[in-house]
Amino acid sequence: MAFSVNYDSSFGGYSIHDYLGQWASTFGDVNHTNGNVTDANSGGFYGGSLSGSQYAISSTANQVTAFVAGGNLTYTLFNEPAHTLYGQLDSLSFGDGLSGGDTSPYSIQVPDVSFGGL
């Protein structure tokens, strides 16, 4: 299996470290306190309610910045270890806007960077 990186040309001068630092500061923390959770930023799986082939979430800070993790992923809600996302991670995509999830796979509407073959 080969590792791949695909990116929008506007990020051609960025290192992976620089891009992820900028993305993280834009995405912010996932603030799931009362009044801050919406359907758009609560996170979700494609393929099941607590597991699936993708997990995706949009920023609670701006409702736009998002990521999609692909693989065989599971979230433990109340079972130990509680509130843990785990599994086999195959890909990560970062950018703005999130679509899909209910009846179709998640996708980033304006992709910045994606990593495959993880």
PDB file of N, CA and C in Angstrom:
ATOM      1  N   MET A   1       0.842  -1.173   0.000  1.00  0.00           N
ATOM      2  CA  MET A   1       0.000   0.000   0.000  1.00  0.00           C
ATOM      3  C   MET A   1       0.891   1.241   0.000  1.00  0.00           C
ATOM      4  N   ALA A   2       0.502   2.217  -0.791  1.00  0.00           N
ATOM      5  CA  ALA A   2       1.288   3.441  -0.914  1.00  0.00           C
ATOM      6  C   ALA A   2       0.614   4.589  -0.174  1.00  0.00           C
ATOM      7  N   PHE A   3       1.417   5.435   0.414  1.00  0.00           N
ATOM      8  CA  PHE A   3       0.938   6.647   1.078  1.00  0.00           C
ATOM      9  C   PHE A   3       0.762   7.723   0.016  1.00  0.00           C
ATOM     10  N   SER A   4      -0.342   8.467   0.079  1.00  0.00           N
ATOM     11  CA  SER A   4      -0.565   9.530  -0.896  1.00  0.00           C
ATOM     12  C   SER A   4      -1.016  10.810  -0.204  1.00  0.00           C
ATOM     13  N   VAL A   5      -0.640  11.930  -0.804  1.00  0.00           N
ATOM     14  CA  VAL A   5      -1.080  13.246  -0.350  1.00  0.00           C
ATOM     15  C   VAL A   5      -1.590  13.991  -1.576  1.00  0.00           C
ATOM     16  N   ASN A   6      -2.830  14.454  -1.514  1.00  0.00           N
ATOM     17  CA  ASN A   6      -3.407  15.279  -2.568  1.00  0.00           C
ATOM     18  C   ASN A   6      -3.785  16.614  -1.950  1.00  0.00           C
ATOM     19  N   TYR A   7      -3.502  17.708  -2.659  1.00  0.00           N
ATOM     20  CA  TYR A   7      -3.771  19.017  -2.071  1.00  0.00           C
ATOM     21  C   TYR A   7      -4.148  20.026  -3.143  1.00  0.00           C
ATOM     22  N   ASP A   8      -4.905  21.020  -2.710  1.00  0.00           N
ATOM     23  CA  ASP A   8      -5.236  22.145  -3.558  1.00  0.00           C
ATOM     24  C   ASP A   8      -3.946  22.920  -3.821  1.00  0.00           C
ATOM     25  N   SER A   9      -3.767  23.408  -5.027  1.00  0.00           N
ATOM     26  CA  SER A   9      -2.517  24.083  -5.392  1.00  0.00           C
ATOM     27  C   SER A   9      -2.223  25.306  -4.527  1.00  0.00           C
ATOM     28  N   SER A  10      -3.246  25.893  -3.923  1.00  0.00           N
ATOM     29  CA  SER A  10      -3.002  27.056  -3.061  1.00  0.00           C
ATOM     30  C   SER A  10      -2.216  26.683  -1.807  1.00  0.00           C
ATOM     31  N   PHE A  11      -2.112  25.388  -1.513  1.00  0.00           N
ATOM     32  CA  PHE A  11      -1.345  24.931  -0.351  1.00  0.00           C
ATOM     33  C   PHE A  11      -0.012  24.308  -0.757  1.00  0.00           C
ATOM     34  N   GLY A  12       0.400  24.500  -1.991  1.00  0.00           N
ATOM     35  CA  GLY A  12       1.625  23.899  -2.496  1.00  0.00           C
ATOM     36  C   GLY A  12       2.881  24.293  -1.739  1.00  0.00           C
ATOM     37  N   GLY A  13       2.916  25.474  -1.161  1.00  0.00           N
ATOM     38  CA  GLY A  13       4.089  25.937  -0.425  1.00  0.00           C
ATOM     39  C   GLY A  13       4.074  25.572   1.046  1.00  0.00           C
ATOM     40  N   TYR A  14       3.041  24.887   1.490  1.00  0.00           N
ATOM     41  CA  TYR A  14       2.902  24.530   2.905  1.00  0.00           C
ATOM     42  C   TYR A  14       3.555  23.184   3.189  1.00  0.00           C
ATOM     43  N   SER A  15       4.131  23.050   4.371  1.00  0.00           N
ATOM     44  CA  SER A  15       4.501  21.720   4.852  1.00  0.00           C
ATOM     45  C   SER A  15       3.241  21.097   5.449  1.00  0.00           C
ATOM     46  N   ILE A  16       3.240  19.795   5.648  1.00  0.00           N
ATOM     47  CA  ILE A  16       2.101  19.139   6.301  1.00  0.00           C
ATOM     48  C   ILE A  16       1.900  19.741   7.685  1.00  0.00           C
ATOM     49  N   HIS A  17       2.982  19.967   8.399  1.00  0.00           N
ATOM     50  CA  HIS A  17       2.920  20.549   9.742  1.00  0.00           C
ATOM     51  C   HIS A  17       2.254  21.928   9.709  1.00  0.00           C
ATOM     52  N   ASP A  18       2.664  22.774   8.765  1.00  0.00           N
ATOM     53  CA  ASP A  18       2.099  24.123   8.671  1.00  0.00           C
ATOM     54  C   ASP A  18       0.612  24.084   8.321  1.00  0.00           C
ATOM     55  N   TYR A  19       0.254  23.239   7.349  1.00  0.00           N
ATOM     56  CA  TYR A  19      -1.157  23.159   6.966  1.00  0.00           C
ATOM     57  C   TYR A  19      -2.014  22.686   8.134  1.00  0.00           C
ATOM     58  N   LEU A  20      -1.614  21.598   8.790  1.00  0.00           N
ATOM     59  CA  LEU A  20      -2.422  21.067   9.890  1.00  0.00           C
ATOM     60  C   LEU A  20      -2.510  22.050  11.049  1.00  0.00           C
ATOM     61  N   GLY A  21      -1.459  22.815  11.297  1.00  0.00           N
ATOM     62  CA  GLY A  21      -1.508  23.849  12.330  1.00  0.00           C
ATOM     63  C   GLY A  21      -2.520  24.927  11.997  1.00  0.00           C
ATOM     64  N   GLN A  22      -2.522  25.372  10.737  1.00  0.00           N
ATOM     65  CA  GLN A  22      -3.491  26.379  10.302  1.00  0.00           C
ATOM     66  C   GLN A  22      -4.903  25.810  10.359  1.00  0.00           C
ATOM     67  N   TRP A  23      -5.079  24.575   9.877  1.00  0.00           N
ATOM     68  CA  TRP A  23      -6.402  23.958   9.886  1.00  0.00           C
ATOM     69  C   TRP A  23      -6.930  23.836  11.314  1.00  0.00           C
ATOM     70  N   ALA A  24      -6.088  23.383  12.237  1.00  0.00           N
ATOM     71  CA  ALA A  24      -6.511  23.200  13.632  1.00  0.00           C
ATOM     72  C   ALA A  24      -6.917  24.521  14.273  1.00  0.00           C
ATOM     73  N   SER A  25      -6.195  25.591  13.974  1.00  0.00           N
ATOM     74  CA  SER A  25      -6.561  26.876  14.577  1.00  0.00           C
ATOM     75  C   SER A  25      -7.873  27.402  13.988  1.00  0.00           C
ATOM     76  N   THR A  26      -8.161  27.084  12.738  1.00  0.00           N
ATOM     77  CA  THR A  26      -9.433  27.476  12.125  1.00  0.00           C
ATOM     78  C   THR A  26     -10.576  26.601  12.625  1.00  0.00           C
ATOM     79  N   PHE A  27     -10.329  25.297  12.731  1.00  0.00           N
ATOM     80  CA  PHE A  27     -11.358  24.356  13.192  1.00  0.00           C
ATOM     81  C   PHE A  27     -11.720  24.606  14.648  1.00  0.00           C
ATOM     82  N   GLY A  28     -10.721  24.884  15.490  1.00  0.00           N
ATOM     83  CA  GLY A  28     -10.959  25.122  16.912  1.00  0.00           C
ATOM     84  C   GLY A  28     -11.237  23.834  17.659  1.00  0.00           C
ATOM     85  N   ASP A  29     -11.748  23.974  18.861  1.00  0.00           N
ATOM     86  CA  ASP A  29     -12.129  22.821  19.669  1.00  0.00           C
ATOM     87  C   ASP A  29     -13.538  22.386  19.298  1.00  0.00           C
ATOM     88  N   VAL A  30     -13.821  21.105  19.496  1.00  0.00           N
ATOM     89  CA  VAL A  30     -15.185  20.624  19.318  1.00  0.00           C
ATOM     90  C   VAL A  30     -15.924  20.929  20.612  1.00  0.00           C
ATOM     91  N   ASN A  31     -16.646  22.040  20.605  1.00  0.00           N
ATOM     92  CA  ASN A  31     -17.333  22.531  21.795  1.00  0.00           C
ATOM     93  C   ASN A  31     -18.752  21.967  21.828  1.00  0.00           C
ATOM     94  N   HIS A  32     -18.926  20.876  22.532  1.00  0.00           N
ATOM     95  CA  HIS A  32     -20.240  20.240  22.600  1.00  0.00           C
ATOM     96  C   HIS A  32     -20.925  20.500  23.930  1.00  0.00           C
ATOM     97  N   THR A  33     -20.817  21.736  24.408  1.00  0.00           N
ATOM     98  CA  THR A  33     -21.548  22.127  25.609  1.00  0.00           C
ATOM     99  C   THR A  33     -22.960  22.548  25.202  1.00  0.00           C
ATOM    100  N   ASN A  34     -23.846  22.677  26.168  1.00  0.00           N
ATOM    101  CA  ASN A  34     -25.234  23.043  25.882  1.00  0.00           C
ATOM    102  C   ASN A  34     -25.307  24.285  25.007  1.00  0.00           C
ATOM    103  N   GLY A  35     -26.133  24.210  23.980  1.00  0.00           N
ATOM    104  CA  GLY A  35     -26.341  25.334  23.085  1.00  0.00           C
ATOM    105  C   GLY A  35     -25.376  25.414  21.925  1.00  0.00           C
ATOM    106  N   ASN A  36     -24.354  24.562  21.890  1.00  0.00           N
ATOM    107  CA  ASN A  36     -23.361  24.618  20.823  1.00  0.00           C
ATOM    108  C   ASN A  36     -23.424  23.445  19.857  1.00  0.00           C
ATOM    109  N   VAL A  37     -24.302  22.494  20.090  1.00  0.00           N
ATOM    110  CA  VAL A  37     -24.388  21.310  19.243  1.00  0.00           C
ATOM    111  C   VAL A  37     -25.531  21.470  18.249  1.00  0.00           C
ATOM    112  N   THR A  38     -25.216  21.256  16.977  1.00  0.00           N
ATOM    113  CA  THR A  38     -26.233  21.248  15.929  1.00  0.00           C
ATOM    114  C   THR A  38     -26.069  19.963  15.132  1.00  0.00           C
ATOM    115  N   ASP A  39     -27.020  19.665  14.265  1.00  0.00           N
ATOM    116  CA  ASP A  39     -26.881  18.484  13.412  1.00  0.00           C
ATOM    117  C   ASP A  39     -25.617  18.569  12.561  1.00  0.00           C
ATOM    118  N   ALA A  40     -25.234  19.783  12.164  1.00  0.00           N
ATOM    119  CA  ALA A  40     -24.085  19.966  11.284  1.00  0.00           C
ATOM    120  C   ALA A  40     -22.752  19.733  11.979  1.00  0.00           C
ATOM    121  N   ASN A  41     -22.674  19.906  13.302  1.00  0.00           N
ATOM    122  CA  ASN A  41     -21.370  19.786  13.961  1.00  0.00           C
ATOM    123  C   ASN A  41     -21.321  18.699  15.027  1.00  0.00           C
ATOM    124  N   SER A  42     -22.299  17.804  15.017  1.00  0.00           N
ATOM    125  CA  SER A  42     -22.314  16.771  16.053  1.00  0.00           C
ATOM    126  C   SER A  42     -21.486  15.556  15.677  1.00  0.00           C
ATOM    127  N   GLY A  43     -21.004  15.498  14.469  1.00  0.00           N
ATOM    128  CA  GLY A  43     -20.217  14.354  14.034  1.00  0.00           C
ATOM    129  C   GLY A  43     -21.127  13.202  13.679  1.00  0.00           C
ATOM    130  N   GLY A  44     -20.609  12.303  12.879  1.00  0.00           N
ATOM    131  CA  GLY A  44     -21.425  11.166  12.509  1.00  0.00           C
ATOM    132  C   GLY A  44     -20.666  10.166  11.683  1.00  0.00           C
ATOM    133  N   PHE A  45     -21.276   9.006  11.577  1.00  0.00           N
ATOM    134  CA  PHE A  45     -20.700   7.907  10.818  1.00  0.00           C
ATOM    135  C   PHE A  45     -21.495   7.670   9.552  1.00  0.00           C
ATOM    136  N   TYR A  46     -20.801   7.277   8.500  1.00  0.00           N
ATOM    137  CA  TYR A  46     -21.461   6.740   7.328  1.00  0.00           C
ATOM    138  C   TYR A  46     -21.369   5.233   7.458  1.00  0.00           C
ATOM    139  N   GLY A  47     -22.515   4.592   7.518  1.00  0.00           N
ATOM    140  CA  GLY A  47     -22.536   3.140   7.630  1.00  0.00           C
ATOM    141  C   GLY A  47     -23.145   2.642   8.922  1.00  0.00           C
ATOM    142  N   GLY A  48     -23.442   3.512   9.861  1.00  0.00           N
ATOM    143  CA  GLY A  48     -24.040   3.085  11.122  1.00  0.00           C
ATOM    144  C   GLY A  48     -24.121   4.237  12.095  1.00  0.00           C
ATOM    145  N   SER A  49     -24.761   3.997  13.231  1.00  0.00           N
ATOM    146  CA  SER A  49     -24.913   5.088  14.197  1.00  0.00           C
ATOM    147  C   SER A  49     -23.663   5.310  15.042  1.00  0.00           C
ATOM    148  N   LEU A  50     -22.946   4.243  15.397  1.00  0.00           N
ATOM    149  CA  LEU A  50     -21.733   4.381  16.215  1.00  0.00           C
ATOM    150  C   LEU A  50     -20.521   3.708  15.580  1.00  0.00           C
ATOM    151  N   SER A  51     -20.640   3.329  14.316  1.00  0.00           N
ATOM    152  CA  SER A  51     -19.501   2.746  13.604  1.00  0.00           C
ATOM    153  C   SER A  51     -19.774   2.852  12.114  1.00  0.00           C
ATOM    154  N   GLY A  52     -18.714   2.730  11.339  1.00  0.00           N
ATOM    155  CA  GLY A  52     -18.887   2.780   9.900  1.00  0.00           C
ATOM    156  C   GLY A  52     -17.583   2.941   9.162  1.00  0.00           C
ATOM    157  N   SER A  53     -17.703   3.155   7.862  1.00  0.00           N
ATOM    158  CA  SER A  53     -16.519   3.303   7.016  1.00  0.00           C
ATOM    159  C   SER A  53     -15.994   4.732   6.994  1.00  0.00           C
ATOM    160  N   GLN A  54     -16.759   5.678   7.561  1.00  0.00           N
ATOM    161  CA  GLN A  54     -16.314   7.065   7.658  1.00  0.00           C
ATOM    162  C   GLN A  54     -16.835   7.689   8.946  1.00  0.00           C
ATOM    163  N   TYR A  55     -16.033   8.606   9.484  1.00  0.00           N
ATOM    164  CA  TYR A  55     -16.478   9.485  10.562  1.00  0.00           C
ATOM    165  C   TYR A  55     -16.173  10.901  10.103  1.00  0.00           C
ATOM    166  N   ALA A  56     -17.126  11.811  10.277  1.00  0.00           N
ATOM    167  CA  ALA A  56     -16.931  13.192   9.831  1.00  0.00           C
ATOM    168  C   ALA A  56     -17.547  14.154  10.828  1.00  0.00           C
ATOM    169  N   ILE A  57     -16.977  15.366  10.866  1.00  0.00           N
ATOM    170  CA  ILE A  57     -17.510  16.403  11.748  1.00  0.00           C
ATOM    171  C   ILE A  57     -17.133  17.775  11.196  1.00  0.00           C
ATOM    172  N   SER A  58     -18.005  18.742  11.431  1.00  0.00           N
ATOM    173  CA  SER A  58     -17.737  20.140  11.092  1.00  0.00           C
ATOM    174  C   SER A  58     -17.421  20.905  12.365  1.00  0.00           C
ATOM    175  N   SER A  59     -16.723  22.002  12.217  1.00  0.00           N
ATOM    176  CA  SER A  59     -16.311  22.839  13.340  1.00  0.00           C
ATOM    177  C   SER A  59     -17.505  23.432  14.075  1.00  0.00           C
ATOM    178  N   THR A  60     -17.439  23.433  15.399  1.00  0.00           N
ATOM    179  CA  THR A  60     -18.436  24.160  16.184  1.00  0.00           C
ATOM    180  C   THR A  60     -18.100  25.650  16.216  1.00  0.00           C
ATOM    181  N   ALA A  61     -16.863  26.015  15.857  1.00  0.00           N
ATOM    182  CA  ALA A  61     -16.443  27.419  15.878  1.00  0.00           C
ATOM    183  C   ALA A  61     -16.981  28.194  14.677  1.00  0.00           C
ATOM    184  N   ASN A  62     -16.999  27.543  13.487  1.00  0.00           N
ATOM    185  CA  ASN A  62     -17.428  28.282  12.299  1.00  0.00           C
ATOM    186  C   ASN A  62     -18.437  27.533  11.427  1.00  0.00           C
ATOM    187  N   GLN A  63     -18.802  26.323  11.776  1.00  0.00           N
ATOM    188  CA  GLN A  63     -19.793  25.512  11.046  1.00  0.00           C
ATOM    189  C   GLN A  63     -19.377  25.174   9.614  1.00  0.00           C
ATOM    190  N   VAL A  64     -18.127  25.428   9.232  1.00  0.00           N
ATOM    191  CA  VAL A  64     -17.690  25.211   7.857  1.00  0.00           C
ATOM    192  C   VAL A  64     -16.508  24.251   7.781  1.00  0.00           C
ATOM    193  N   THR A  65     -15.450  24.536   8.516  1.00  0.00           N
ATOM    194  CA  THR A  65     -14.237  23.726   8.477  1.00  0.00           C
ATOM    195  C   THR A  65     -14.573  22.308   8.924  1.00  0.00           C
ATOM    196  N   ALA A  66     -14.075  21.302   8.181  1.00  0.00           N
ATOM    197  CA  ALA A  66     -14.490  19.929   8.452  1.00  0.00           C
ATOM    198  C   ALA A  66     -13.372  18.947   8.141  1.00  0.00           C
ATOM    199  N   PHE A  67     -13.558  17.712   8.631  1.00  0.00           N
ATOM    200  CA  PHE A  67     -12.689  16.616   8.232  1.00  0.00           C
ATOM    201  C   PHE A  67     -13.500  15.342   8.098  1.00  0.00           C
ATOM    202  N   VAL A  68     -12.976  14.430   7.279  1.00  0.00           N
ATOM    203  CA  VAL A  68     -13.556  13.104   7.100  1.00  0.00           C
ATOM    204  C   VAL A  68     -12.443  12.095   7.326  1.00  0.00           C
ATOM    205  N   ALA A  69     -12.682  11.149   8.228  1.00  0.00           N
ATOM    206  CA  ALA A  69     -11.759  10.042   8.473  1.00  0.00           C
ATOM    207  C   ALA A  69     -12.367   8.791   7.861  1.00  0.00           C
ATOM    208  N   GLY A  70     -11.593   8.084   7.048  1.00  0.00           N
ATOM    209  CA  GLY A  70     -12.079   6.866   6.411  1.00  0.00           C
ATOM    210  C   GLY A  70     -11.377   5.642   6.952  1.00  0.00           C
ATOM    211  N   GLY A  71     -12.088   4.538   7.014  1.00  0.00           N
ATOM    212  CA  GLY A  71     -11.525   3.278   7.488  1.00  0.00           C
ATOM    213  C   GLY A  71     -12.611   2.408   8.074  1.00  0.00           C
ATOM    214  N   ASN A  72     -12.261   1.647   9.079  1.00  0.00           N
ATOM    215  CA  ASN A  72     -13.207   0.815   9.818  1.00  0.00           C
ATOM    216  C   ASN A  72     -13.224   1.368  11.233  1.00  0.00           C
ATOM    217  N   LEU A  73     -14.151   2.282  11.517  1.00  0.00           N
ATOM    218  CA  LEU A  73     -14.098   3.100  12.724  1.00  0.00           C
ATOM    219  C   LEU A  73     -15.301   2.851  13.630  1.00  0.00           C
ATOM    220  N   THR A  74     -15.064   2.933  14.928  1.00  0.00           N
ATOM    221  CA  THR A  74     -16.099   2.697  15.934  1.00  0.00           C
ATOM    222  C   THR A  74     -15.964   3.731  17.037  1.00  0.00           C
ATOM    223  N   TYR A  75     -17.099   4.139  17.588  1.00  0.00           N
ATOM    224  CA  TYR A  75     -17.129   5.066  18.714  1.00  0.00           C
ATOM    225  C   TYR A  75     -17.779   4.361  19.891  1.00  0.00           C
ATOM    226  N   THR A  76     -17.102   4.386  21.042  1.00  0.00           N
ATOM    227  CA  THR A  76     -17.700   3.822  22.248  1.00  0.00           C
ATOM    228  C   THR A  76     -18.339   4.956  23.020  1.00  0.00           C
ATOM    229  N   LEU A  77     -19.651   4.919  23.133  1.00  0.00           N
ATOM    230  CA  LEU A  77     -20.379   5.979  23.809  1.00  0.00           C
ATOM    231  C   LEU A  77     -20.310   5.798  25.320  1.00  0.00           C
ATOM    232  N   PHE A  78     -20.862   4.707  25.814  1.00  0.00           N
ATOM    233  CA  PHE A  78     -20.883   4.478  27.258  1.00  0.00           C
ATOM    234  C   PHE A  78     -20.029   3.288  27.680  1.00  0.00           C
ATOM    235  N   ASN A  79     -19.743   2.372  26.753  1.00  0.00           N
ATOM    236  CA  ASN A  79     -18.884   1.234  27.083  1.00  0.00           C
ATOM    237  C   ASN A  79     -17.455   1.713  27.264  1.00  0.00           C
ATOM    238  N   GLU A  80     -16.721   1.041  28.128  1.00  0.00           N
ATOM    239  CA  GLU A  80     -15.318   1.407  28.356  1.00  0.00           C
ATOM    240  C   GLU A  80     -14.472   1.019  27.160  1.00  0.00           C
ATOM    241  N   PRO A  81     -13.544   1.822  26.746  1.00  0.00           N
ATOM    242  CA  PRO A  81     -13.295   3.169  27.258  1.00  0.00           C
ATOM    243  C   PRO A  81     -14.307   4.148  26.664  1.00  0.00           C
ATOM    244  N   ALA A  82     -15.071   4.804  27.506  1.00  0.00           N
ATOM    245  CA  ALA A  82     -16.158   5.684  27.075  1.00  0.00           C
ATOM    246  C   ALA A  82     -15.642   6.848  26.234  1.00  0.00           C
ATOM    247  N   HIS A  83     -16.444   7.235  25.265  1.00  0.00           N
ATOM    248  CA  HIS A  83     -16.171   8.377  24.383  1.00  0.00           C
ATOM    249  C   HIS A  83     -14.822   8.254  23.685  1.00  0.00           C
ATOM    250  N   THR A  84     -14.615   7.104  23.049  1.00  0.00           N
ATOM    251  CA  THR A  84     -13.368   6.837  22.333  1.00  0.00           C
ATOM    252  C   THR A  84     -13.673   6.464  20.889  1.00  0.00           C
ATOM    253  N   LEU A  85     -13.007   7.121  19.948  1.00  0.00           N
ATOM    254  CA  LEU A  85     -13.087   6.780  18.532  1.00  0.00           C
ATOM    255  C   LEU A  85     -11.875   5.918  18.221  1.00  0.00           C
ATOM    256  N   TYR A  86     -12.112   4.714  17.705  1.00  0.00           N
ATOM    257  CA  TYR A  86     -10.990   3.817  17.441  1.00  0.00           C
ATOM    258  C   TYR A  86     -11.255   2.990  16.189  1.00  0.00           C
ATOM    259  N   GLY A  87     -10.224   2.316  15.718  1.00  0.00           N
ATOM    260  CA  GLY A  87     -10.365   1.428  14.574  1.00  0.00           C
ATOM    261  C   GLY A  87      -9.206   1.578  13.618  1.00  0.00           C
ATOM    262  N   GLN A  88      -9.402   1.082  12.403  1.00  0.00           N
ATOM    263  CA  GLN A  88      -8.397   1.152  11.357  1.00  0.00           C
ATOM    264  C   GLN A  88      -8.616   2.428  10.555  1.00  0.00           C
ATOM    265  N   LEU A  89      -7.609   3.289  10.530  1.00  0.00           N
ATOM    266  CA  LEU A  89      -7.684   4.561   9.811  1.00  0.00           C
ATOM    267  C   LEU A  89      -6.972   4.413   8.474  1.00  0.00           C
ATOM    268  N   ASP A  90      -7.698   4.647   7.374  1.00  0.00           N
ATOM    269  CA  ASP A  90      -7.134   4.514   6.034  1.00  0.00           C
ATOM    270  C   ASP A  90      -6.896   5.852   5.346  1.00  0.00           C
ATOM    271  N   SER A  91      -7.735   6.849   5.662  1.00  0.00           N
ATOM    272  CA  SER A  91      -7.619   8.134   4.967  1.00  0.00           C
ATOM    273  C   SER A  91      -8.122   9.268   5.847  1.00  0.00           C
ATOM    274  N   LEU A  92      -7.636  10.473   5.562  1.00  0.00           N
ATOM    275  CA  LEU A  92      -8.096  11.702   6.216  1.00  0.00           C
ATOM    276  C   LEU A  92      -8.236  12.778   5.152  1.00  0.00           C
ATOM    277  N   SER A  93      -9.328  13.516   5.203  1.00  0.00           N
ATOM    278  CA  SER A  93      -9.542  14.636   4.288  1.00  0.00           C
ATOM    279  C   SER A  93      -9.922  15.866   5.096  1.00  0.00           C
ATOM    280  N   PHE A  94      -9.371  17.009   4.711  1.00  0.00           N
ATOM    281  CA  PHE A  94      -9.589  18.268   5.418  1.00  0.00           C
ATOM    282  C   PHE A  94     -10.034  19.330   4.430  1.00  0.00           C
ATOM    283  N   GLY A  95     -10.900  20.235   4.871  1.00  0.00           N
ATOM    284  CA  GLY A  95     -11.324  21.332   4.018  1.00  0.00           C
ATOM    285  C   GLY A  95     -12.536  22.030   4.582  1.00  0.00           C
ATOM    286  N   ASP A  96     -13.334  22.611   3.687  1.00  0.00           N
ATOM    287  CA  ASP A  96     -14.521  23.372   4.083  1.00  0.00           C
ATOM    288  C   ASP A  96     -15.775  22.750   3.492  1.00  0.00           C
ATOM    289  N   GLY A  97     -16.822  22.720   4.296  1.00  0.00           N
ATOM    290  CA  GLY A  97     -18.105  22.194   3.859  1.00  0.00           C
ATOM    291  C   GLY A  97     -18.137  20.686   3.907  1.00  0.00           C
ATOM    292  N   LEU A  98     -19.215  20.160   4.427  1.00  0.00           N
ATOM    293  CA  LEU A  98     -19.367  18.713   4.574  1.00  0.00           C
ATOM    294  C   LEU A  98     -20.697  18.313   3.965  1.00  0.00           C
ATOM    295  N   SER A  99     -20.675  17.306   3.103  1.00  0.00           N
ATOM    296  CA  SER A  99     -21.922  16.805   2.529  1.00  0.00           C
ATOM    297  C   SER A  99     -21.971  15.296   2.679  1.00  0.00           C
ATOM    298  N   GLY A 100     -23.167  14.742   2.492  1.00  0.00           N
ATOM    299  CA  GLY A 100     -23.353  13.299   2.586  1.00  0.00           C
ATOM    300  C   GLY A 100     -23.552  12.836   4.007  1.00  0.00           C
ATOM    301  N   GLY A 101     -23.417  11.528   4.177  1.00  0.00           N
ATOM    302  CA  GLY A 101     -23.486  10.933   5.498  1.00  0.00           C
ATOM    303  C   GLY A 101     -24.706  10.097   5.767  1.00  0.00           C
ATOM    304  N   ASP A 102     -25.863  10.513   5.297  1.00  0.00           N
ATOM    305  CA  ASP A 102     -27.067   9.732   5.559  1.00  0.00           C
ATOM    306  C   ASP A 102     -27.200   8.572   4.573  1.00  0.00           C
ATOM    307  N   THR A 103     -27.304   8.901   3.308  1.00  0.00           N
ATOM    308  CA  THR A 103     -27.493   7.872   2.291  1.00  0.00           C
ATOM    309  C   THR A 103     -26.327   7.777   1.319  1.00  0.00           C
ATOM    310  N   SER A 104     -25.332   8.619   1.493  1.00  0.00           N
ATOM    311  CA  SER A 104     -24.149   8.594   0.632  1.00  0.00           C
ATOM    312  C   SER A 104     -22.920   8.887   1.483  1.00  0.00           C
ATOM    313  N   PRO A 105     -21.749   8.470   1.009  1.00  0.00           N
ATOM    314  CA  PRO A 105     -20.534   8.736   1.784  1.00  0.00           C
ATOM    315  C   PRO A 105     -20.320  10.239   1.997  1.00  0.00           C
ATOM    316  N   TYR A 106     -19.661  10.574   3.104  1.00  0.00           N
ATOM    317  CA  TYR A 106     -19.295  11.966   3.369  1.00  0.00           C
ATOM    318  C   TYR A 106     -18.283  12.439   2.339  1.00  0.00           C
ATOM    319  N   SER A 107     -18.312  13.722   2.052  1.00  0.00           N
ATOM    320  CA  SER A 107     -17.268  14.333   1.233  1.00  0.00           C
ATOM    321  C   SER A 107     -17.087  15.777   1.665  1.00  0.00           C
ATOM    322  N   ILE A 108     -15.874  16.261   1.485  1.00  0.00           N
ATOM    323  CA  ILE A 108     -15.550  17.658   1.743  1.00  0.00           C
ATOM    324  C   ILE A 108     -15.912  18.437   0.486  1.00  0.00           C
ATOM    325  N   GLN A 109     -16.709  19.491   0.614  1.00  0.00           N
ATOM    326  CA  GLN A 109     -17.160  20.250  -0.549  1.00  0.00           C
ATOM    327  C   GLN A 109     -16.039  21.066  -1.182  1.00  0.00           C
ATOM    328  N   VAL A 110     -15.172  21.655  -0.357  1.00  0.00           N
ATOM    329  CA  VAL A 110     -14.015  22.401  -0.860  1.00  0.00           C
ATOM    330  C   VAL A 110     -12.781  21.772  -0.220  1.00  0.00           C
ATOM    331  N   PRO A 111     -12.238  20.726  -0.861  1.00  0.00           N
ATOM    332  CA  PRO A 111     -11.119  20.003  -0.246  1.00  0.00           C
ATOM    333  C   PRO A 111      -9.820  20.808  -0.276  1.00  0.00           C
ATOM    334  N   ASP A 112      -9.098  20.749   0.842  1.00  0.00           N
ATOM    335  CA  ASP A 112      -7.763  21.344   0.934  1.00  0.00           C
ATOM    336  C   ASP A 112      -6.705  20.271   0.742  1.00  0.00           C
ATOM    337  N   VAL A 113      -6.713  19.292   1.632  1.00  0.00           N
ATOM    338  CA  VAL A 113      -5.684  18.253   1.650  1.00  0.00           C
ATOM    339  C   VAL A 113      -6.328  16.923   1.997  1.00  0.00           C
ATOM    340  N   SER A 114      -5.872  15.853   1.352  1.00  0.00           N
ATOM    341  CA  SER A 114      -6.296  14.507   1.736  1.00  0.00           C
ATOM    342  C   SER A 114      -5.073  13.600   1.796  1.00  0.00           C
ATOM    343  N   PHE A 115      -5.124  12.683   2.744  1.00  0.00           N
ATOM    344  CA  PHE A 115      -4.060  11.708   2.955  1.00  0.00           C
ATOM    345  C   PHE A 115      -4.654  10.321   2.774  1.00  0.00           C
ATOM    346  N   GLY A 116      -4.001   9.478   1.993  1.00  0.00           N
ATOM    347  CA  GLY A 116      -4.470   8.113   1.769  1.00  0.00           C
ATOM    348  C   GLY A 116      -3.378   7.106   2.058  1.00  0.00           C
ATOM    349  N   GLY A 117      -3.770   5.858   2.172  1.00  0.00           N
ATOM    350  CA  GLY A 117      -2.810   4.787   2.429  1.00  0.00           C
ATOM    351  C   GLY A 117      -2.229   4.822   3.819  1.00  0.00           C
ATOM    352  N   LEU A 118      -3.007   5.289   4.783  1.00  0.00           N
ATOM    353  CA  LEU A 118      -2.511   5.410   6.162  1.00  0.00           C
ATOM    354  C   LEU A 118      -2.427   4.061   6.848  1.00  0.00           C
TER     355      LEU A 118
END
